Amino acid sequence: MADIERVWNDNLQVYGADKVWQQLKREGIRAAGCTVERLMRRLGLRGAVRCKVVRTTVPDAKAPCPLDRVNRQFKAERPNQLWVSDFTYVST
């Protein structure tokens, strides 16, 4: 546990379990990756999370709402009579 904490502190407290485990292997300290992960959790050590928050829409209160052209009646009498969609977010 002391080696795990040392490696984590030496690397500016940003290394997660995988990188700590790799560094321990390079130093010749044998440990399983799942053990390193479990001990880091017990010590309260976490790596830096570097993902961005995905904001799918930017609401504009002043923008006009689209018209409800089907008046909330979503039943069609025949195929291809009524098409409705909602495009909120598309991952690219």
PDB file of N, CA and C in Angstrom:
ATOM      1  N   MET A   1       0.825  -1.193   0.000  1.00  0.00           N
ATOM      2  CA  MET A   1       0.000   0.000   0.000  1.00  0.00           C
ATOM      3  C   MET A   1       0.868   1.255   0.000  1.00  0.00           C
ATOM      4  N   ALA A   2       2.023   1.168   0.673  1.00  0.00           N
ATOM      5  CA  ALA A   2       2.927   2.319   0.710  1.00  0.00           C
ATOM      6  C   ALA A   2       3.476   2.622  -0.680  1.00  0.00           C
ATOM      7  N   ASP A   3       3.797   1.563  -1.454  1.00  0.00           N
ATOM      8  CA  ASP A   3       4.313   1.776  -2.809  1.00  0.00           C
ATOM      9  C   ASP A   3       3.241   2.368  -3.720  1.00  0.00           C
ATOM     10  N   ILE A   4       2.013   1.921  -3.560  1.00  0.00           N
ATOM     11  CA  ILE A   4       0.919   2.463  -4.375  1.00  0.00           C
ATOM     12  C   ILE A   4       0.745   3.949  -4.084  1.00  0.00           C
ATOM     13  N   GLU A   5       0.748   4.301  -2.809  1.00  0.00           N
ATOM     14  CA  GLU A   5       0.578   5.705  -2.445  1.00  0.00           C
ATOM     15  C   GLU A   5       1.763   6.547  -2.906  1.00  0.00           C
ATOM     16  N   ARG A   6       2.980   5.987  -2.836  1.00  0.00           N
ATOM     17  CA  ARG A   6       4.174   6.706  -3.290  1.00  0.00           C
ATOM     18  C   ARG A   6       4.101   6.996  -4.785  1.00  0.00           C
ATOM     19  N   VAL A   7       3.743   5.966  -5.583  1.00  0.00           N
ATOM     20  CA  VAL A   7       3.658   6.149  -7.036  1.00  0.00           C
ATOM     21  C   VAL A   7       2.573   7.170  -7.368  1.00  0.00           C
ATOM     22  N   TRP A   8       1.441   7.089  -6.688  1.00  0.00           N
ATOM     23  CA  TRP A   8       0.339   8.020  -6.939  1.00  0.00           C
ATOM     24  C   TRP A   8       0.764   9.452  -6.626  1.00  0.00           C
ATOM     25  N   ASN A   9       1.455   9.658  -5.492  1.00  0.00           N
ATOM     26  CA  ASN A   9       1.921  11.000  -5.122  1.00  0.00           C
ATOM     27  C   ASN A   9       3.033  11.493  -6.034  1.00  0.00           C
ATOM     28  N   ASP A  10       3.937  10.608  -6.444  1.00  0.00           N
ATOM     29  CA  ASP A  10       5.035  11.003  -7.330  1.00  0.00           C
ATOM     30  C   ASP A  10       4.530  11.491  -8.690  1.00  0.00           C
ATOM     31  N   ASN A  11       3.360  11.049  -9.073  1.00  0.00           N
ATOM     32  CA  ASN A  11       2.804  11.415 -10.376  1.00  0.00           C
ATOM     33  C   ASN A  11       1.660  12.407 -10.245  1.00  0.00           C
ATOM     34  N   LEU A  12       1.826  13.331  -9.301  1.00  0.00           N
ATOM     35  CA  LEU A  12       0.925  14.469  -9.120  1.00  0.00           C
ATOM     36  C   LEU A  12      -0.519  14.063  -8.816  1.00  0.00           C
ATOM     37  N   GLN A  13      -0.703  12.872  -8.274  1.00  0.00           N
ATOM     38  CA  GLN A  13      -2.014  12.369  -7.861  1.00  0.00           C
ATOM     39  C   GLN A  13      -3.014  12.306  -9.002  1.00  0.00           C
ATOM     40  N   VAL A  14      -2.505  12.059 -10.203  1.00  0.00           N
ATOM     41  CA  VAL A  14      -3.405  11.949 -11.346  1.00  0.00           C
ATOM     42  C   VAL A  14      -3.466  10.535 -11.900  1.00  0.00           C
ATOM     43  N   TYR A  15      -2.560   9.663 -11.520  1.00  0.00           N
ATOM     44  CA  TYR A  15      -2.556   8.297 -12.026  1.00  0.00           C
ATOM     45  C   TYR A  15      -3.727   7.511 -11.464  1.00  0.00           C
ATOM     46  N   GLY A  16      -4.398   6.764 -12.330  1.00  0.00           N
ATOM     47  CA  GLY A  16      -5.427   5.835 -11.905  1.00  0.00           C
ATOM     48  C   GLY A  16      -4.801   4.481 -11.626  1.00  0.00           C
ATOM     49  N   ALA A  17      -5.628   3.499 -11.356  1.00  0.00           N
ATOM     50  CA  ALA A  17      -5.150   2.175 -10.978  1.00  0.00           C
ATOM     51  C   ALA A  17      -4.305   1.533 -12.079  1.00  0.00           C
ATOM     52  N   ASP A  18      -4.702   1.690 -13.336  1.00  0.00           N
ATOM     53  CA  ASP A  18      -3.942   1.069 -14.429  1.00  0.00           C
ATOM     54  C   ASP A  18      -2.532   1.626 -14.530  1.00  0.00           C
ATOM     55  N   LYS A  19      -2.398   2.933 -14.461  1.00  0.00           N
ATOM     56  CA  LYS A  19      -1.072   3.538 -14.580  1.00  0.00           C
ATOM     57  C   LYS A  19      -0.212   3.265 -13.354  1.00  0.00           C
ATOM     58  N   VAL A  20      -0.823   3.254 -12.179  1.00  0.00           N
ATOM     59  CA  VAL A  20      -0.061   2.908 -10.971  1.00  0.00           C
ATOM     60  C   VAL A  20       0.437   1.482 -11.086  1.00  0.00           C
ATOM     61  N   TRP A  21      -0.417   0.576 -11.550  1.00  0.00           N
ATOM     62  CA  TRP A  21      -0.038  -0.824 -11.715  1.00  0.00           C
ATOM     63  C   TRP A  21       1.108  -0.971 -12.719  1.00  0.00           C
ATOM     64  N   GLN A  22       1.025  -0.250 -13.848  1.00  0.00           N
ATOM     65  CA  GLN A  22       2.095  -0.304 -14.844  1.00  0.00           C
ATOM     66  C   GLN A  22       3.416   0.215 -14.272  1.00  0.00           C
ATOM     67  N   GLN A  23       3.356   1.301 -13.508  1.00  0.00           N
ATOM     68  CA  GLN A  23       4.567   1.864 -12.913  1.00  0.00           C
ATOM     69  C   GLN A  23       5.166   0.889 -11.894  1.00  0.00           C
ATOM     70  N   LEU A  24       4.334   0.238 -11.111  1.00  0.00           N
ATOM     71  CA  LEU A  24       4.834  -0.753 -10.155  1.00  0.00           C
ATOM     72  C   LEU A  24       5.511  -1.904 -10.881  1.00  0.00           C
ATOM     73  N   LYS A  25       4.957  -2.334 -12.008  1.00  0.00           N
ATOM     74  CA  LYS A  25       5.591  -3.393 -12.802  1.00  0.00           C
ATOM     75  C   LYS A  25       6.949  -2.950 -13.308  1.00  0.00           C
ATOM     76  N   ARG A  26       7.049  -1.687 -13.776  1.00  0.00           N
ATOM     77  CA  ARG A  26       8.339  -1.184 -14.265  1.00  0.00           C
ATOM     78  C   ARG A  26       9.383  -1.151 -13.153  1.00  0.00           C
ATOM     79  N   GLU A  27       8.928  -0.915 -11.926  1.00  0.00           N
ATOM     80  CA  GLU A  27       9.841  -0.861 -10.784  1.00  0.00           C
ATOM     81  C   GLU A  27      10.142  -2.250 -10.225  1.00  0.00           C
ATOM     82  N   GLY A  28       9.543  -3.288 -10.802  1.00  0.00           N
ATOM     83  CA  GLY A  28       9.811  -4.646 -10.351  1.00  0.00           C
ATOM     84  C   GLY A  28       8.954  -5.100  -9.180  1.00  0.00           C
ATOM     85  N   ILE A  29       7.909  -4.366  -8.875  1.00  0.00           N
ATOM     86  CA  ILE A  29       7.001  -4.737  -7.788  1.00  0.00           C
ATOM     87  C   ILE A  29       5.843  -5.498  -8.404  1.00  0.00           C
ATOM     88  N   ARG A  30       5.708  -6.770  -8.020  1.00  0.00           N
ATOM     89  CA  ARG A  30       4.678  -7.626  -8.599  1.00  0.00           C
ATOM     90  C   ARG A  30       3.371  -7.471  -7.828  1.00  0.00           C
ATOM     91  N   ALA A  31       2.321  -7.154  -8.551  1.00  0.00           N
ATOM     92  CA  ALA A  31       0.986  -7.056  -7.962  1.00  0.00           C
ATOM     93  C   ALA A  31      -0.022  -7.199  -9.088  1.00  0.00           C
ATOM     94  N   ALA A  32      -1.161  -7.735  -8.777  1.00  0.00           N
ATOM     95  CA  ALA A  32      -2.226  -7.852  -9.766  1.00  0.00           C
ATOM     96  C   ALA A  32      -2.919  -6.493  -9.928  1.00  0.00           C
ATOM     97  N   GLY A  33      -3.388  -6.225 -11.131  1.00  0.00           N
ATOM     98  CA  GLY A  33      -4.071  -4.951 -11.381  1.00  0.00           C
ATOM     99  C   GLY A  33      -5.310  -4.785 -10.525  1.00  0.00           C
ATOM    100  N   CYS A  34      -6.042  -5.888 -10.324  1.00  0.00           N
ATOM    101  CA  CYS A  34      -7.253  -5.791  -9.505  1.00  0.00           C
ATOM    102  C   CYS A  34      -6.913  -5.512  -8.044  1.00  0.00           C
ATOM    103  N   THR A  35      -5.739  -5.994  -7.603  1.00  0.00           N
ATOM    104  CA  THR A  35      -5.299  -5.723  -6.231  1.00  0.00           C
ATOM    105  C   THR A  35      -4.939  -4.253  -6.068  1.00  0.00           C
ATOM    106  N   VAL A  36      -4.250  -3.709  -7.056  1.00  0.00           N
ATOM    107  CA  VAL A  36      -3.900  -2.285  -7.016  1.00  0.00           C
ATOM    108  C   VAL A  36      -5.177  -1.450  -6.987  1.00  0.00           C
ATOM    109  N   GLU A  37      -6.149  -1.828  -7.797  1.00  0.00           N
ATOM    110  CA  GLU A  37      -7.412  -1.094  -7.837  1.00  0.00           C
ATOM    111  C   GLU A  37      -8.129  -1.166  -6.488  1.00  0.00           C
ATOM    112  N   ARG A  38      -8.169  -2.353  -5.893  1.00  0.00           N
ATOM    113  CA  ARG A  38      -8.839  -2.524  -4.598  1.00  0.00           C
ATOM    114  C   ARG A  38      -8.138  -1.729  -3.509  1.00  0.00           C
ATOM    115  N   LEU A  39      -6.794  -1.771  -3.485  1.00  0.00           N
ATOM    116  CA  LEU A  39      -6.052  -1.045  -2.452  1.00  0.00           C
ATOM    117  C   LEU A  39      -6.160   0.466  -2.642  1.00  0.00           C
ATOM    118  N   MET A  40      -6.179   0.928  -3.877  1.00  0.00           N
ATOM    119  CA  MET A  40      -6.363   2.366  -4.110  1.00  0.00           C
ATOM    120  C   MET A  40      -7.733   2.810  -3.618  1.00  0.00           C
ATOM    121  N   ARG A  41      -8.748   1.971  -3.847  1.00  0.00           N
ATOM    122  CA  ARG A  41     -10.087   2.309  -3.360  1.00  0.00           C
ATOM    123  C   ARG A  41     -10.095   2.372  -1.839  1.00  0.00           C
ATOM    124  N   ARG A  42      -9.410   1.421  -1.191  1.00  0.00           N
ATOM    125  CA  ARG A  42      -9.344   1.401   0.269  1.00  0.00           C
ATOM    126  C   ARG A  42      -8.612   2.631   0.805  1.00  0.00           C
ATOM    127  N   LEU A  43      -7.573   3.077   0.092  1.00  0.00           N
ATOM    128  CA  LEU A  43      -6.819   4.258   0.514  1.00  0.00           C
ATOM    129  C   LEU A  43      -7.536   5.569   0.154  1.00  0.00           C
ATOM    130  N   GLY A  44      -8.551   5.482  -0.658  1.00  0.00           N
ATOM    131  CA  GLY A  44      -9.270   6.686  -1.086  1.00  0.00           C
ATOM    132  C   GLY A  44      -8.555   7.428  -2.193  1.00  0.00           C
ATOM    133  N   LEU A  45      -7.735   6.733  -2.973  1.00  0.00           N
ATOM    134  CA  LEU A  45      -6.968   7.363  -4.054  1.00  0.00           C
ATOM    135  C   LEU A  45      -7.712   7.172  -5.368  1.00  0.00           C
ATOM    136  N   ARG A  46      -7.813   8.253  -6.131  1.00  0.00           N
ATOM    137  CA  ARG A  46      -8.464   8.210  -7.436  1.00  0.00           C
ATOM    138  C   ARG A  46      -7.621   8.964  -8.440  1.00  0.00           C
ATOM    139  N   GLY A  47      -7.653   8.501  -9.671  1.00  0.00           N
ATOM    140  CA  GLY A  47      -6.968   9.201 -10.734  1.00  0.00           C
ATOM    141  C   GLY A  47      -7.782  10.385 -11.200  1.00  0.00           C
ATOM    142  N   ALA A  48      -7.139  11.245 -11.966  1.00  0.00           N
ATOM    143  CA  ALA A  48      -7.826  12.422 -12.499  1.00  0.00           C
ATOM    144  C   ALA A  48      -8.812  11.990 -13.575  1.00  0.00           C
ATOM    145  N   VAL A  49      -9.992  12.587 -13.583  1.00  0.00           N
ATOM    146  CA  VAL A  49     -10.998  12.338 -14.605  1.00  0.00           C
ATOM    147  C   VAL A  49     -10.919  13.487 -15.587  1.00  0.00           C
ATOM    148  N   ARG A  50     -10.591  13.171 -16.826  1.00  0.00           N
ATOM    149  CA  ARG A  50     -10.344  14.223 -17.801  1.00  0.00           C
ATOM    150  C   ARG A  50     -11.340  14.227 -18.946  1.00  0.00           C
ATOM    151  N   CYS A  51     -12.562  13.910 -18.676  1.00  0.00           N
ATOM    152  CA  CYS A  51     -13.543  13.954 -19.754  1.00  0.00           C
ATOM    153  C   CYS A  51     -14.362  15.234 -19.642  1.00  0.00           C
ATOM    154  N   LYS A  52     -14.827  15.685 -20.766  1.00  0.00           N
ATOM    155  CA  LYS A  52     -15.635  16.891 -20.787  1.00  0.00           C
ATOM    156  C   LYS A  52     -17.095  16.531 -20.594  1.00  0.00           C
ATOM    157  N   VAL A  53     -17.831  17.420 -20.012  1.00  0.00           N
ATOM    158  CA  VAL A  53     -19.266  17.243 -19.875  1.00  0.00           C
ATOM    159  C   VAL A  53     -19.890  17.516 -21.233  1.00  0.00           C
ATOM    160  N   VAL A  54     -20.680  16.582 -21.714  1.00  0.00           N
ATOM    161  CA  VAL A  54     -21.318  16.739 -23.011  1.00  0.00           C
ATOM    162  C   VAL A  54     -22.597  17.546 -22.833  1.00  0.00           C
ATOM    163  N   ARG A  55     -22.620  18.691 -23.450  1.00  0.00           N
ATOM    164  CA  ARG A  55     -23.821  19.524 -23.418  1.00  0.00           C
ATOM    165  C   ARG A  55     -24.469  19.427 -24.783  1.00  0.00           C
ATOM    166  N   THR A  56     -25.614  18.797 -24.821  1.00  0.00           N
ATOM    167  CA  THR A  56     -26.214  18.497 -26.118  1.00  0.00           C
ATOM    168  C   THR A  56     -26.977  19.664 -26.714  1.00  0.00           C
ATOM    169  N   THR A  57     -27.564  20.508 -25.879  1.00  0.00           N
ATOM    170  CA  THR A  57     -28.333  21.628 -26.408  1.00  0.00           C
ATOM    171  C   THR A  57     -28.055  22.879 -25.596  1.00  0.00           C
ATOM    172  N   VAL A  58     -28.198  24.001 -26.232  1.00  0.00           N
ATOM    173  CA  VAL A  58     -28.114  25.284 -25.554  1.00  0.00           C
ATOM    174  C   VAL A  58     -29.496  25.911 -25.667  1.00  0.00           C
ATOM    175  N   PRO A  59     -30.259  25.891 -24.587  1.00  0.00           N
ATOM    176  CA  PRO A  59     -31.627  26.392 -24.687  1.00  0.00           C
ATOM    177  C   PRO A  59     -31.668  27.904 -24.927  1.00  0.00           C
ATOM    178  N   ASP A  60     -32.601  28.302 -25.731  1.00  0.00           N
ATOM    179  CA  ASP A  60     -32.823  29.722 -26.017  1.00  0.00           C
ATOM    180  C   ASP A  60     -34.295  30.013 -25.739  1.00  0.00           C
ATOM    181  N   ALA A  61     -34.564  30.684 -24.640  1.00  0.00           N
ATOM    182  CA  ALA A  61     -35.941  30.951 -24.233  1.00  0.00           C
ATOM    183  C   ALA A  61     -36.666  31.867 -25.214  1.00  0.00           C
ATOM    184  N   LYS A  62     -35.891  32.660 -25.968  1.00  0.00           N
ATOM    185  CA  LYS A  62     -36.505  33.617 -26.890  1.00  0.00           C
ATOM    186  C   LYS A  62     -36.825  33.004 -28.255  1.00  0.00           C
ATOM    187  N   ALA A  63     -36.286  31.822 -28.524  1.00  0.00           N
ATOM    188  CA  ALA A  63     -36.524  31.190 -29.816  1.00  0.00           C
ATOM    189  C   ALA A  63     -37.958  30.668 -29.880  1.00  0.00           C
ATOM    190  N   PRO A  64     -38.595  30.796 -31.022  1.00  0.00           N
ATOM    191  CA  PRO A  64     -39.973  30.304 -31.143  1.00  0.00           C
ATOM    192  C   PRO A  64     -40.000  28.775 -31.137  1.00  0.00           C
ATOM    193  N   CYS A  65     -41.016  28.211 -30.529  1.00  0.00           N
ATOM    194  CA  CYS A  65     -41.196  26.763 -30.523  1.00  0.00           C
ATOM    195  C   CYS A  65     -41.767  26.338 -31.867  1.00  0.00           C
ATOM    196  N   PRO A  66     -41.366  25.176 -32.361  1.00  0.00           N
ATOM    197  CA  PRO A  66     -41.951  24.709 -33.616  1.00  0.00           C
ATOM    198  C   PRO A  66     -43.432  24.398 -33.436  1.00  0.00           C
ATOM    199  N   LEU A  67     -44.167  24.539 -34.485  1.00  0.00           N
ATOM    200  CA  LEU A  67     -45.605  24.296 -34.442  1.00  0.00           C
ATOM    201  C   LEU A  67     -45.898  22.807 -34.271  1.00  0.00           C
ATOM    202  N   ASP A  68     -46.946  22.492 -33.557  1.00  0.00           N
ATOM    203  CA  ASP A  68     -47.408  21.117 -33.411  1.00  0.00           C
ATOM    204  C   ASP A  68     -48.388  20.857 -34.547  1.00  0.00           C
ATOM    205  N   ARG A  69     -47.873  20.321 -35.628  1.00  0.00           N
ATOM    206  CA  ARG A  69     -48.674  20.190 -36.840  1.00  0.00           C
ATOM    207  C   ARG A  69     -49.623  18.996 -36.821  1.00  0.00           C
ATOM    208  N   VAL A  70     -49.477  18.106 -35.837  1.00  0.00           N
ATOM    209  CA  VAL A  70     -50.371  16.948 -35.770  1.00  0.00           C
ATOM    210  C   VAL A  70     -51.303  17.042 -34.567  1.00  0.00           C
ATOM    211  N   ASN A  71     -51.243  18.130 -33.832  1.00  0.00           N
ATOM    212  CA  ASN A  71     -52.089  18.353 -32.655  1.00  0.00           C
ATOM    213  C   ASN A  71     -52.079  17.167 -31.687  1.00  0.00           C
ATOM    214  N   ARG A  72     -50.886  16.602 -31.484  1.00  0.00           N
ATOM    215  CA  ARG A  72     -50.667  15.489 -30.541  1.00  0.00           C
ATOM    216  C   ARG A  72     -51.448  14.234 -30.917  1.00  0.00           C
ATOM    217  N   GLN A  73     -51.920  14.141 -32.159  1.00  0.00           N
ATOM    218  CA  GLN A  73     -52.613  12.942 -32.644  1.00  0.00           C
ATOM    219  C   GLN A  73     -51.618  12.157 -33.495  1.00  0.00           C
ATOM    220  N   PHE A  74     -51.026  11.115 -32.895  1.00  0.00           N
ATOM    221  CA  PHE A  74     -49.942  10.401 -33.562  1.00  0.00           C
ATOM    222  C   PHE A  74     -50.412   9.119 -34.252  1.00  0.00           C
ATOM    223  N   LYS A  75     -51.647   9.037 -34.614  1.00  0.00           N
ATOM    224  CA  LYS A  75     -52.173   7.860 -35.306  1.00  0.00           C
ATOM    225  C   LYS A  75     -52.334   8.184 -36.781  1.00  0.00           C
ATOM    226  N   ALA A  76     -51.845   7.272 -37.594  1.00  0.00           N
ATOM    227  CA  ALA A  76     -51.957   7.446 -39.040  1.00  0.00           C
ATOM    228  C   ALA A  76     -52.925   6.402 -39.587  1.00  0.00           C
ATOM    229  N   GLU A  77     -53.697   6.801 -40.572  1.00  0.00           N
ATOM    230  CA  GLU A  77     -54.667   5.891 -41.180  1.00  0.00           C
ATOM    231  C   GLU A  77     -54.031   5.007 -42.229  1.00  0.00           C
ATOM    232  N   ARG A  78     -52.888   5.420 -42.773  1.00  0.00           N
ATOM    233  CA  ARG A  78     -52.219   4.644 -43.812  1.00  0.00           C
ATOM    234  C   ARG A  78     -50.708   4.840 -43.674  1.00  0.00           C
ATOM    235  N   PRO A  79     -49.907   3.970 -44.246  1.00  0.00           N
ATOM    236  CA  PRO A  79     -48.446   4.122 -44.181  1.00  0.00           C
ATOM    237  C   PRO A  79     -47.984   5.426 -44.841  1.00  0.00           C
ATOM    238  N   ASN A  80     -46.951   6.007 -44.291  1.00  0.00           N
ATOM    239  CA  ASN A  80     -46.330   7.237 -44.810  1.00  0.00           C
ATOM    240  C   ASN A  80     -47.251   8.447 -44.763  1.00  0.00           C
ATOM    241  N   GLN A  81     -48.288   8.400 -43.982  1.00  0.00           N
ATOM    242  CA  GLN A  81     -49.174   9.553 -43.850  1.00  0.00           C
ATOM    243  C   GLN A  81     -48.605  10.547 -42.845  1.00  0.00           C
ATOM    244  N   LEU A  82     -47.971  10.027 -41.796  1.00  0.00           N
ATOM    245  CA  LEU A  82     -47.497  10.894 -40.711  1.00  0.00           C
ATOM    246  C   LEU A  82     -46.108  10.462 -40.274  1.00  0.00           C
ATOM    247  N   TRP A  83     -45.175  11.384 -40.329  1.00  0.00           N
ATOM    248  CA  TRP A  83     -43.815  11.121 -39.849  1.00  0.00           C
ATOM    249  C   TRP A  83     -43.509  12.144 -38.764  1.00  0.00           C
ATOM    250  N   VAL A  84     -43.042  11.664 -37.610  1.00  0.00           N
ATOM    251  CA  VAL A  84     -42.704  12.529 -36.488  1.00  0.00           C
ATOM    252  C   VAL A  84     -41.324  12.118 -35.986  1.00  0.00           C
ATOM    253  N   SER A  85     -40.491  13.100 -35.637  1.00  0.00           N
ATOM    254  CA  SER A  85     -39.166  12.781 -35.095  1.00  0.00           C
ATOM    255  C   SER A  85     -38.763  13.828 -34.069  1.00  0.00           C
ATOM    256  N   ASP A  86     -37.776  13.459 -33.286  1.00  0.00           N
ATOM    257  CA  ASP A  86     -37.219  14.377 -32.292  1.00  0.00           C
ATOM    258  C   ASP A  86     -35.701  14.219 -32.345  1.00  0.00           C
ATOM    259  N   PHE A  87     -35.030  15.236 -32.816  1.00  0.00           N
ATOM    260  CA  PHE A  87     -33.578  15.217 -32.937  1.00  0.00           C
ATOM    261  C   PHE A  87     -32.987  16.024 -31.781  1.00  0.00           C
ATOM    262  N   THR A  88     -32.759  15.383 -30.661  1.00  0.00           N
ATOM    263  CA  THR A  88     -32.189  16.097 -29.525  1.00  0.00           C
ATOM    264  C   THR A  88     -30.669  16.034 -29.558  1.00  0.00           C
ATOM    265  N   TYR A  89     -30.109  14.844 -29.816  1.00  0.00           N
ATOM    266  CA  TYR A  89     -28.664  14.705 -29.774  1.00  0.00           C
ATOM    267  C   TYR A  89     -28.226  13.603 -30.722  1.00  0.00           C
ATOM    268  N   VAL A  90     -27.221  13.875 -31.508  1.00  0.00           N
ATOM    269  CA  VAL A  90     -26.625  12.891 -32.389  1.00  0.00           C
ATOM    270  C   VAL A  90     -25.126  12.910 -32.140  1.00  0.00           C
ATOM    271  N   SER A  91     -24.576  11.778 -31.714  1.00  0.00           N
ATOM    272  CA  SER A  91     -23.140  11.699 -31.447  1.00  0.00           C
ATOM    273  C   SER A  91     -22.381  11.690 -32.756  1.00  0.00           C
ATOM    274  N   THR A  92     -21.351  12.517 -32.868  1.00  0.00           N
ATOM    275  CA  THR A  92     -20.543  12.546 -34.088  1.00  0.00           C
ATOM    276  C   THR A  92     -19.107  12.274 -33.761  1.00  0.00           C
TER     277      THR A  92
END
